[in-house]
Every structure is written in structure tokens, then in C-alpha cells.
């Protein structure tokens, strides 16, 4: 029996860490991908055109599908190391083309109205958090509460 703060009743709960990371990060990517899809990739293509991204219409679809499918894969815990790489790339592109211009902080209160606070554009803080979480998942794996974990368990049984 292990004796640490992560053990309760002889069970080690450290394997929950990758699950929580996967769910939070995966949901974030699905939400952003769904927002792009529901507004239409044409709007994303306009932004990419302003940023001088080559083939903006194709890249709008690529980024939308990468976020949606990659987010769902993270939630399920399947091919986590593989899908993390294009997700890191999308975060780096967003960080260096848009967010870097607004400094570090993701939340900038620039005013207060009768309706509530007014926020400025977000900095690159969230990009770094997503990248860090994805790198952690690459290093530690998807965990035993994942499809990857089930596949590894089945391979070790045979």
C-alpha cells in the first residue's frame, strides 16, 4: 500500500490527473471548434485572410476539424499523443499571429458599464496553458481511464 496524499483506502488516485486534463482541454477544443463550425468556416477564412495565411478557406476547415476531432479524441482518450501535436500547432499559430499582440493576460478588464465589465482582447496566457496541458498528456499518457489505457491493458493481458 502506498503512503501518500493521493492514496485513500489503499487506492492511488493519481491516474485521475490525466483524465481531468483530457476532459478540460478536450472540452475547450470542442467548444472552440464548434463555435467556428456553427458560425461557418467562412468567418474563420476571413480572419485567416487578414492574417495572410495561405489557402485561408482550406485552413479554416482544417483548424475547425482539428479542434473538433482532436477535442473529442482527447475526451475519449484515444490517440492522445498523436492528436496533441496538431492541437499544439493550432495553439502556437493562434498565439503568434493574434494573441501575442495583446500581452500575457487572458482577461483584461478595460471598463465597467451598467451591464457589467467590458473585456479587451485576450493575451497568450490560455494558449500557454493549453500547450502545457497537451505536453503533459504527451509525457504522462492518457491514463488508465481512457481508450488508450484500455488498449494498453488489453495488449499487456495477451
N, C-alpha and C. Protein backbone atom coordinates (compact mmCIF):
# COMPACT_ATOMS: atom_id res chain seq x y z
N UNK A 1 0.84 -1.18 0.00
CA UNK A 1 0.00 0.00 0.00
C UNK A 1 0.89 1.24 0.00
N UNK A 2 0.56 2.20 -0.91
CA UNK A 2 1.35 3.42 -0.95
C UNK A 2 0.90 4.35 0.16
N UNK A 3 1.83 5.13 0.64
CA UNK A 3 1.52 6.07 1.71
C UNK A 3 1.81 7.48 1.21
N UNK A 4 0.82 8.09 0.57
CA UNK A 4 0.95 9.47 0.11
C UNK A 4 -0.42 10.13 0.11
N UNK A 5 -0.44 11.40 -0.18
CA UNK A 5 -1.70 12.15 -0.12
C UNK A 5 -2.67 11.76 -1.23
N UNK A 6 -2.19 11.01 -2.24
CA UNK A 6 -3.05 10.61 -3.33
C UNK A 6 -3.69 9.25 -3.10
N UNK A 7 -3.37 8.64 -1.98
CA UNK A 7 -3.92 7.33 -1.67
C UNK A 7 -4.98 7.45 -0.58
N UNK A 8 -6.12 6.88 -0.86
CA UNK A 8 -7.20 6.84 0.11
C UNK A 8 -7.71 5.41 0.13
N UNK A 9 -7.68 4.81 1.29
CA UNK A 9 -8.15 3.43 1.41
C UNK A 9 -7.35 2.46 0.56
N UNK A 10 -6.05 2.75 0.37
CA UNK A 10 -5.20 1.85 -0.40
C UNK A 10 -5.29 2.05 -1.90
N UNK A 11 -6.14 2.96 -2.37
CA UNK A 11 -6.26 3.20 -3.81
C UNK A 11 -5.48 4.47 -4.16
N UNK A 12 -4.74 4.40 -5.24
CA UNK A 12 -3.94 5.53 -5.71
C UNK A 12 -4.76 6.29 -6.76
N UNK A 13 -5.04 7.54 -6.49
CA UNK A 13 -5.91 8.33 -7.37
C UNK A 13 -5.14 9.22 -8.34
N UNK A 14 -3.84 9.03 -8.47
CA UNK A 14 -3.06 9.86 -9.39
C UNK A 14 -3.47 9.64 -10.83
N UNK A 15 -4.06 8.50 -11.15
CA UNK A 15 -4.49 8.25 -12.53
C UNK A 15 -5.68 9.13 -12.94
N UNK A 16 -6.26 9.83 -11.98
CA UNK A 16 -7.34 10.76 -12.33
C UNK A 16 -6.80 12.04 -12.96
N UNK A 17 -5.54 12.37 -12.72
CA UNK A 17 -4.96 13.62 -13.24
C UNK A 17 -5.05 13.70 -14.76
N UNK A 18 -4.60 12.68 -15.51
CA UNK A 18 -4.73 12.80 -16.97
C UNK A 18 -6.18 12.86 -17.43
N UNK A 19 -7.08 12.20 -16.71
CA UNK A 19 -8.49 12.26 -17.06
C UNK A 19 -9.00 13.69 -16.96
N UNK A 20 -8.71 14.36 -15.85
CA UNK A 20 -9.17 15.75 -15.69
C UNK A 20 -8.54 16.67 -16.74
N UNK A 21 -7.26 16.48 -17.02
CA UNK A 21 -6.60 17.28 -18.07
C UNK A 21 -7.28 17.05 -19.41
N UNK A 22 -7.49 15.78 -19.76
CA UNK A 22 -8.09 15.46 -21.06
C UNK A 22 -9.49 16.06 -21.19
N UNK A 23 -10.29 15.94 -20.14
CA UNK A 23 -11.66 16.44 -20.21
C UNK A 23 -11.69 17.96 -20.35
N UNK A 24 -10.90 18.66 -19.56
CA UNK A 24 -10.90 20.13 -19.61
C UNK A 24 -10.37 20.63 -20.95
N UNK A 25 -9.24 20.09 -21.38
CA UNK A 25 -8.64 20.55 -22.63
C UNK A 25 -9.50 20.11 -23.82
N UNK A 26 -9.95 18.87 -23.79
CA UNK A 26 -10.78 18.37 -24.88
C UNK A 26 -12.06 19.17 -25.04
N UNK A 27 -12.72 19.46 -23.92
CA UNK A 27 -13.96 20.25 -23.98
C UNK A 27 -13.67 21.64 -24.55
N UNK A 28 -12.55 22.24 -24.14
CA UNK A 28 -12.18 23.56 -24.67
C UNK A 28 -12.02 23.55 -26.17
N UNK A 29 -11.32 22.54 -26.69
CA UNK A 29 -11.13 22.46 -28.15
C UNK A 29 -12.45 22.18 -28.87
N UNK A 30 -13.28 21.31 -28.32
CA UNK A 30 -14.59 21.04 -28.94
C UNK A 30 -15.42 22.32 -28.97
N UNK A 31 -15.43 23.06 -27.87
CA UNK A 31 -16.22 24.31 -27.81
C UNK A 31 -15.74 25.31 -28.86
N UNK A 32 -14.42 25.45 -29.00
CA UNK A 32 -13.89 26.41 -29.98
C UNK A 32 -14.13 25.92 -31.41
N UNK A 33 -13.95 24.63 -31.64
CA UNK A 33 -14.21 24.08 -32.97
C UNK A 33 -15.67 24.18 -33.34
N UNK A 34 -16.55 23.91 -32.37
CA UNK A 34 -17.99 24.01 -32.62
C UNK A 34 -18.40 25.45 -32.91
N UNK A 35 -17.81 26.40 -32.20
CA UNK A 35 -18.11 27.82 -32.46
C UNK A 35 -17.72 28.18 -33.89
N UNK A 36 -16.57 27.73 -34.33
CA UNK A 36 -16.14 28.01 -35.71
C UNK A 36 -17.09 27.36 -36.71
N UNK A 37 -17.46 26.12 -36.46
CA UNK A 37 -18.34 25.39 -37.37
C UNK A 37 -19.73 26.02 -37.41
N UNK A 38 -20.27 26.37 -36.26
CA UNK A 38 -21.64 26.91 -36.21
C UNK A 38 -21.73 28.30 -36.83
N UNK A 39 -20.67 29.07 -36.77
CA UNK A 39 -20.66 30.40 -37.41
C UNK A 39 -20.31 30.29 -38.89
N UNK A 40 -19.81 29.14 -39.26
CA UNK A 40 -19.40 28.93 -40.64
C UNK A 40 -17.92 29.20 -40.81
N UNK A 41 -17.21 28.26 -41.38
CA UNK A 41 -15.77 28.45 -41.59
C UNK A 41 -15.43 29.66 -42.47
N UNK A 42 -16.43 30.22 -43.16
CA UNK A 42 -16.19 31.42 -43.96
C UNK A 42 -15.70 32.59 -43.11
N UNK A 43 -16.24 32.71 -41.91
CA UNK A 43 -15.79 33.77 -40.99
C UNK A 43 -14.36 33.56 -40.55
N UNK A 44 -14.01 32.31 -40.29
CA UNK A 44 -12.63 31.97 -39.91
C UNK A 44 -11.71 32.25 -41.09
N UNK A 45 -12.17 31.92 -42.30
CA UNK A 45 -11.37 32.16 -43.50
C UNK A 45 -11.09 33.65 -43.68
N UNK A 46 -12.06 34.51 -43.36
CA UNK A 46 -11.84 35.96 -43.45
C UNK A 46 -10.73 36.39 -42.50
N UNK A 47 -10.76 35.89 -41.28
CA UNK A 47 -9.71 36.20 -40.30
C UNK A 47 -8.36 35.71 -40.82
N UNK A 48 -8.32 34.50 -41.33
CA UNK A 48 -7.07 33.94 -41.83
C UNK A 48 -6.55 34.73 -43.04
N UNK A 49 -7.46 35.26 -43.85
CA UNK A 49 -7.06 36.09 -44.98
C UNK A 49 -6.38 37.36 -44.49
N UNK A 50 -6.96 38.00 -43.48
CA UNK A 50 -6.37 39.21 -42.90
C UNK A 50 -4.98 38.92 -42.34
N UNK A 51 -4.80 37.72 -41.80
CA UNK A 51 -3.52 37.32 -41.22
C UNK A 51 -2.53 36.80 -42.28
N UNK A 52 -2.96 36.82 -43.54
CA UNK A 52 -2.12 36.38 -44.67
C UNK A 52 -1.76 34.90 -44.59
N UNK A 53 -2.68 34.10 -44.06
CA UNK A 53 -2.47 32.66 -44.01
C UNK A 53 -2.76 32.11 -45.41
N UNK A 54 -1.86 31.30 -45.97
CA UNK A 54 -2.12 30.73 -47.29
C UNK A 54 -3.32 29.79 -47.27
N UNK A 55 -4.04 29.73 -48.38
CA UNK A 55 -5.22 28.87 -48.54
C UNK A 55 -6.17 29.03 -47.35
N UNK A 56 -6.66 30.26 -47.10
CA UNK A 56 -7.46 30.51 -45.88
C UNK A 56 -8.73 29.68 -45.77
N UNK A 57 -9.41 29.40 -46.89
CA UNK A 57 -10.65 28.62 -46.79
C UNK A 57 -10.35 27.18 -46.39
N UNK A 58 -9.31 26.61 -46.98
CA UNK A 58 -8.94 25.25 -46.61
C UNK A 58 -8.44 25.21 -45.16
N UNK A 59 -7.63 26.19 -44.78
CA UNK A 59 -7.08 26.21 -43.43
C UNK A 59 -8.17 26.46 -42.38
N UNK A 60 -9.24 27.17 -42.77
CA UNK A 60 -10.37 27.37 -41.86
C UNK A 60 -11.02 26.02 -41.54
N UNK A 61 -11.19 25.20 -42.57
CA UNK A 61 -11.75 23.87 -42.35
C UNK A 61 -10.78 22.99 -41.57
N UNK A 62 -9.50 23.07 -41.91
CA UNK A 62 -8.50 22.24 -41.22
C UNK A 62 -8.48 22.58 -39.73
N UNK A 63 -8.44 23.88 -39.41
CA UNK A 63 -8.38 24.26 -37.99
C UNK A 63 -9.67 23.89 -37.26
N UNK A 64 -10.81 24.08 -37.91
CA UNK A 64 -12.10 23.74 -37.29
C UNK A 64 -12.18 22.24 -37.00
N UNK A 65 -11.85 21.43 -37.99
CA UNK A 65 -11.93 19.98 -37.81
C UNK A 65 -10.85 19.47 -36.86
N UNK A 66 -9.68 20.09 -36.88
CA UNK A 66 -8.62 19.70 -35.94
C UNK A 66 -9.09 19.91 -34.51
N UNK A 67 -9.69 21.07 -34.25
CA UNK A 67 -10.17 21.35 -32.89
C UNK A 67 -11.32 20.43 -32.50
N UNK A 68 -12.27 20.23 -33.39
CA UNK A 68 -13.42 19.37 -33.07
C UNK A 68 -12.99 17.91 -32.87
N UNK A 69 -12.35 17.35 -33.87
CA UNK A 69 -11.98 15.93 -33.80
C UNK A 69 -10.90 15.68 -32.75
N UNK A 70 -9.94 16.60 -32.66
CA UNK A 70 -8.90 16.47 -31.64
C UNK A 70 -9.48 16.59 -30.24
N UNK A 71 -10.43 17.49 -30.06
CA UNK A 71 -11.07 17.65 -28.75
C UNK A 71 -11.84 16.40 -28.35
N UNK A 72 -12.60 15.83 -29.30
CA UNK A 72 -13.32 14.60 -29.00
C UNK A 72 -12.37 13.44 -28.70
N UNK A 73 -11.25 13.38 -29.43
CA UNK A 73 -10.26 12.32 -29.19
C UNK A 73 -9.67 12.46 -27.79
N UNK A 74 -9.40 13.70 -27.36
CA UNK A 74 -8.87 13.91 -26.01
C UNK A 74 -9.89 13.47 -24.96
N UNK A 75 -11.13 13.85 -25.16
CA UNK A 75 -12.18 13.48 -24.20
C UNK A 75 -12.25 11.95 -24.06
N UNK A 76 -12.22 11.25 -25.19
CA UNK A 76 -12.28 9.79 -25.16
C UNK A 76 -10.96 9.18 -24.71
N UNK A 77 -9.89 9.92 -24.89
CA UNK A 77 -8.58 9.39 -24.53
C UNK A 77 -8.04 8.43 -25.57
N UNK A 78 -8.25 8.76 -26.83
CA UNK A 78 -7.76 7.89 -27.90
C UNK A 78 -6.74 8.63 -28.75
N UNK A 79 -5.61 8.00 -28.99
CA UNK A 79 -4.51 8.58 -29.77
C UNK A 79 -4.09 9.94 -29.21
N UNK A 80 -4.06 10.06 -27.90
CA UNK A 80 -3.83 11.35 -27.23
C UNK A 80 -2.50 11.99 -27.64
N UNK A 81 -1.42 11.24 -27.65
CA UNK A 81 -0.13 11.82 -28.04
C UNK A 81 -0.15 12.28 -29.48
N UNK A 82 -0.78 11.52 -30.34
CA UNK A 82 -0.84 11.86 -31.76
C UNK A 82 -1.69 13.11 -32.01
N UNK A 83 -2.89 13.17 -31.44
CA UNK A 83 -3.76 14.32 -31.69
C UNK A 83 -3.29 15.58 -30.97
N UNK A 84 -2.46 15.42 -29.95
CA UNK A 84 -1.95 16.59 -29.23
C UNK A 84 -1.04 17.45 -30.11
N UNK A 85 -0.33 16.84 -31.04
CA UNK A 85 0.62 17.59 -31.87
C UNK A 85 -0.06 18.63 -32.76
N UNK A 86 -1.08 18.27 -33.56
CA UNK A 86 -1.74 19.33 -34.34
C UNK A 86 -2.47 20.36 -33.47
N UNK A 87 -2.94 19.93 -32.29
CA UNK A 87 -3.60 20.88 -31.39
C UNK A 87 -2.58 21.88 -30.84
N UNK A 88 -1.38 21.41 -30.52
CA UNK A 88 -0.31 22.32 -30.08
C UNK A 88 0.01 23.29 -31.21
N UNK A 89 0.08 22.78 -32.42
CA UNK A 89 0.38 23.64 -33.57
C UNK A 89 -0.68 24.73 -33.73
N UNK A 90 -1.97 24.38 -33.59
CA UNK A 90 -3.02 25.41 -33.72
C UNK A 90 -2.88 26.47 -32.63
N UNK A 91 -2.50 26.03 -31.42
CA UNK A 91 -2.30 26.99 -30.33
C UNK A 91 -1.11 27.91 -30.61
N UNK A 92 -0.04 27.36 -31.15
CA UNK A 92 1.13 28.17 -31.48
C UNK A 92 0.81 29.19 -32.57
N UNK A 93 0.08 28.76 -33.59
CA UNK A 93 -0.31 29.68 -34.66
C UNK A 93 -1.18 30.80 -34.10
N UNK A 94 -2.19 30.45 -33.30
CA UNK A 94 -3.06 31.47 -32.71
C UNK A 94 -2.25 32.41 -31.82
N UNK A 95 -1.34 31.84 -31.04
CA UNK A 95 -0.56 32.64 -30.11
C UNK A 95 0.32 33.64 -30.85
N UNK A 96 1.03 33.18 -31.88
CA UNK A 96 1.99 34.05 -32.54
C UNK A 96 1.39 34.94 -33.62
N UNK A 97 0.16 34.65 -34.06
CA UNK A 97 -0.45 35.52 -35.06
C UNK A 97 -1.46 36.50 -34.46
N UNK A 98 -2.06 36.15 -33.34
CA UNK A 98 -3.11 37.00 -32.78
C UNK A 98 -2.81 37.40 -31.34
N UNK A 99 -2.77 36.43 -30.44
CA UNK A 99 -2.76 36.70 -29.01
C UNK A 99 -1.50 37.38 -28.50
N UNK A 100 -0.37 37.15 -29.13
CA UNK A 100 0.90 37.72 -28.66
C UNK A 100 0.86 39.25 -28.67
N UNK A 101 0.05 39.80 -29.55
CA UNK A 101 -0.06 41.26 -29.68
C UNK A 101 -0.77 41.91 -28.49
N UNK A 102 -1.42 41.11 -27.67
CA UNK A 102 -2.20 41.66 -26.56
C UNK A 102 -1.60 41.35 -25.19
N UNK A 103 -0.35 40.94 -25.15
CA UNK A 103 0.30 40.67 -23.88
C UNK A 103 -0.06 39.31 -23.32
N UNK A 104 0.30 39.11 -22.08
CA UNK A 104 0.16 37.79 -21.46
C UNK A 104 -1.26 37.48 -20.99
N UNK A 105 -1.88 38.38 -20.25
CA UNK A 105 -3.12 38.08 -19.54
C UNK A 105 -4.28 37.74 -20.48
N UNK A 106 -5.01 36.69 -20.12
CA UNK A 106 -6.17 36.28 -20.90
C UNK A 106 -7.40 37.13 -20.58
N UNK A 107 -7.39 37.80 -19.44
CA UNK A 107 -8.54 38.60 -19.03
C UNK A 107 -8.07 40.02 -18.76
N UNK A 108 -8.61 40.94 -19.55
CA UNK A 108 -8.26 42.35 -19.39
C UNK A 108 -9.55 43.14 -19.22
N UNK A 109 -9.81 43.59 -18.03
CA UNK A 109 -10.97 44.44 -17.81
C UNK A 109 -10.58 45.84 -18.24
N UNK A 110 -11.29 46.36 -19.25
CA UNK A 110 -10.96 47.69 -19.77
C UNK A 110 -12.03 48.72 -19.44
N UNK A 111 -13.09 48.28 -18.83
CA UNK A 111 -14.14 49.22 -18.47
C UNK A 111 -15.25 48.53 -17.70
N UNK A 112 -16.14 49.35 -17.20
CA UNK A 112 -17.29 48.84 -16.47
C UNK A 112 -18.50 49.65 -16.88
N UNK A 113 -19.55 48.95 -17.32
CA UNK A 113 -20.78 49.60 -17.72
C UNK A 113 -21.90 49.14 -16.80
N UNK A 114 -23.08 49.67 -17.01
CA UNK A 114 -24.24 49.26 -16.23
C UNK A 114 -24.56 47.78 -16.47
N UNK A 115 -24.16 47.27 -17.64
CA UNK A 115 -24.41 45.86 -17.96
C UNK A 115 -23.32 44.94 -17.40
N UNK A 116 -22.23 45.50 -16.93
CA UNK A 116 -21.14 44.68 -16.39
C UNK A 116 -19.79 45.08 -16.95
N UNK A 117 -18.78 44.27 -16.69
CA UNK A 117 -17.43 44.61 -17.14
C UNK A 117 -17.29 44.48 -18.66
N UNK A 118 -16.36 45.26 -19.20
CA UNK A 118 -16.01 45.21 -20.62
C UNK A 118 -14.58 44.67 -20.69
N UNK A 119 -14.40 43.65 -21.51
CA UNK A 119 -13.09 43.00 -21.59
C UNK A 119 -12.41 43.31 -22.91
N UNK A 120 -11.11 43.42 -22.85
CA UNK A 120 -10.29 43.61 -24.04
C UNK A 120 -9.91 42.27 -24.64
N UNK A 121 -9.17 42.31 -25.74
CA UNK A 121 -8.77 41.06 -26.39
C UNK A 121 -7.83 40.25 -25.50
N UNK A 122 -7.94 38.94 -25.58
CA UNK A 122 -7.12 38.08 -24.71
C UNK A 122 -5.68 37.99 -25.17
N UNK A 123 -4.78 37.85 -24.20
CA UNK A 123 -3.38 37.62 -24.49
C UNK A 123 -3.12 36.13 -24.67
N UNK A 124 -1.86 35.74 -24.56
CA UNK A 124 -1.46 34.37 -24.88
C UNK A 124 -1.44 33.42 -23.68
N UNK A 125 -1.94 33.84 -22.55
CA UNK A 125 -1.96 33.00 -21.34
C UNK A 125 -2.66 31.66 -21.58
N UNK A 126 -3.84 31.70 -22.16
CA UNK A 126 -4.62 30.47 -22.38
C UNK A 126 -3.91 29.56 -23.37
N UNK A 127 -3.29 30.14 -24.40
CA UNK A 127 -2.53 29.32 -25.35
C UNK A 127 -1.46 28.52 -24.63
N UNK A 128 -0.73 29.19 -23.73
CA UNK A 128 0.33 28.52 -22.99
C UNK A 128 -0.22 27.44 -22.07
N UNK A 129 -1.36 27.69 -21.47
CA UNK A 129 -1.98 26.68 -20.60
C UNK A 129 -2.40 25.44 -21.40
N UNK A 130 -3.02 25.66 -22.56
CA UNK A 130 -3.39 24.53 -23.42
C UNK A 130 -2.14 23.76 -23.86
N UNK A 131 -1.12 24.48 -24.33
CA UNK A 131 0.11 23.82 -24.78
C UNK A 131 0.74 23.03 -23.64
N UNK A 132 0.80 23.61 -22.46
CA UNK A 132 1.39 22.92 -21.30
C UNK A 132 0.61 21.66 -20.95
N UNK A 133 -0.71 21.75 -20.96
CA UNK A 133 -1.54 20.59 -20.67
C UNK A 133 -1.37 19.50 -21.71
N UNK A 134 -1.29 19.88 -22.97
CA UNK A 134 -1.09 18.89 -24.03
C UNK A 134 0.28 18.24 -23.92
N UNK A 135 1.31 19.03 -23.62
CA UNK A 135 2.65 18.46 -23.43
C UNK A 135 2.66 17.49 -22.24
N UNK A 136 1.96 17.85 -21.18
CA UNK A 136 1.86 16.95 -20.02
C UNK A 136 1.21 15.64 -20.42
N UNK A 137 0.16 15.70 -21.23
CA UNK A 137 -0.51 14.47 -21.67
C UNK A 137 0.39 13.63 -22.57
N UNK A 138 1.19 14.29 -23.40
CA UNK A 138 2.14 13.54 -24.23
C UNK A 138 3.14 12.81 -23.34
N UNK A 139 3.60 13.49 -22.29
CA UNK A 139 4.62 12.90 -21.41
C UNK A 139 4.08 11.81 -20.50
N UNK A 140 2.89 12.03 -19.93
CA UNK A 140 2.36 11.05 -18.96
C UNK A 140 1.38 10.06 -19.58
N UNK A 141 0.90 10.37 -20.77
CA UNK A 141 -0.06 9.49 -21.43
C UNK A 141 -1.49 9.84 -21.04
N UNK A 142 -2.41 9.15 -21.66
CA UNK A 142 -3.84 9.41 -21.47
C UNK A 142 -4.37 8.91 -20.14
N UNK A 143 -3.63 8.02 -19.49
CA UNK A 143 -4.07 7.47 -18.22
C UNK A 143 -4.90 6.22 -18.40
N UNK A 144 -5.14 5.55 -17.29
CA UNK A 144 -5.86 4.27 -17.38
C UNK A 144 -7.35 4.46 -17.65
N UNK A 145 -7.89 5.63 -17.40
CA UNK A 145 -9.31 5.89 -17.68
C UNK A 145 -9.46 6.51 -19.07
N UNK A 146 -9.02 5.78 -20.08
CA UNK A 146 -9.04 6.26 -21.45
C UNK A 146 -9.11 5.07 -22.40
N UNK A 147 -9.44 5.35 -23.65
CA UNK A 147 -9.41 4.29 -24.66
C UNK A 147 -7.97 3.82 -24.83
N UNK A 148 -7.00 4.75 -24.86
CA UNK A 148 -5.59 4.36 -24.94
C UNK A 148 -5.22 3.43 -23.79
N UNK A 149 -5.70 3.72 -22.59
CA UNK A 149 -5.43 2.89 -21.41
C UNK A 149 -6.02 1.50 -21.56
N UNK A 150 -7.23 1.43 -22.11
CA UNK A 150 -7.87 0.12 -22.34
C UNK A 150 -7.09 -0.69 -23.37
N UNK A 151 -6.64 -0.02 -24.43
CA UNK A 151 -5.86 -0.72 -25.46
C UNK A 151 -4.56 -1.25 -24.86
N UNK A 152 -3.86 -0.41 -24.08
CA UNK A 152 -2.61 -0.85 -23.44
C UNK A 152 -2.85 -2.01 -22.48
N UNK A 153 -3.95 -1.95 -21.74
CA UNK A 153 -4.28 -3.02 -20.79
C UNK A 153 -4.54 -4.32 -21.53
N UNK A 154 -5.28 -4.25 -22.63
CA UNK A 154 -5.59 -5.44 -23.42
C UNK A 154 -4.33 -6.04 -24.05
N UNK A 155 -3.40 -5.18 -24.47
CA UNK A 155 -2.14 -5.67 -25.04
C UNK A 155 -1.29 -6.37 -24.01
N UNK A 156 -1.30 -5.85 -22.76
CA UNK A 156 -0.48 -6.44 -21.71
C UNK A 156 -1.06 -7.77 -21.20
N UNK A 157 -2.36 -7.96 -21.37
CA UNK A 157 -3.02 -9.19 -20.93
C UNK A 157 -2.67 -10.33 -21.89
N UNK A 158 -2.51 -10.04 -23.16
CA UNK A 158 -2.26 -11.09 -24.18
C UNK A 158 -0.88 -11.65 -24.12
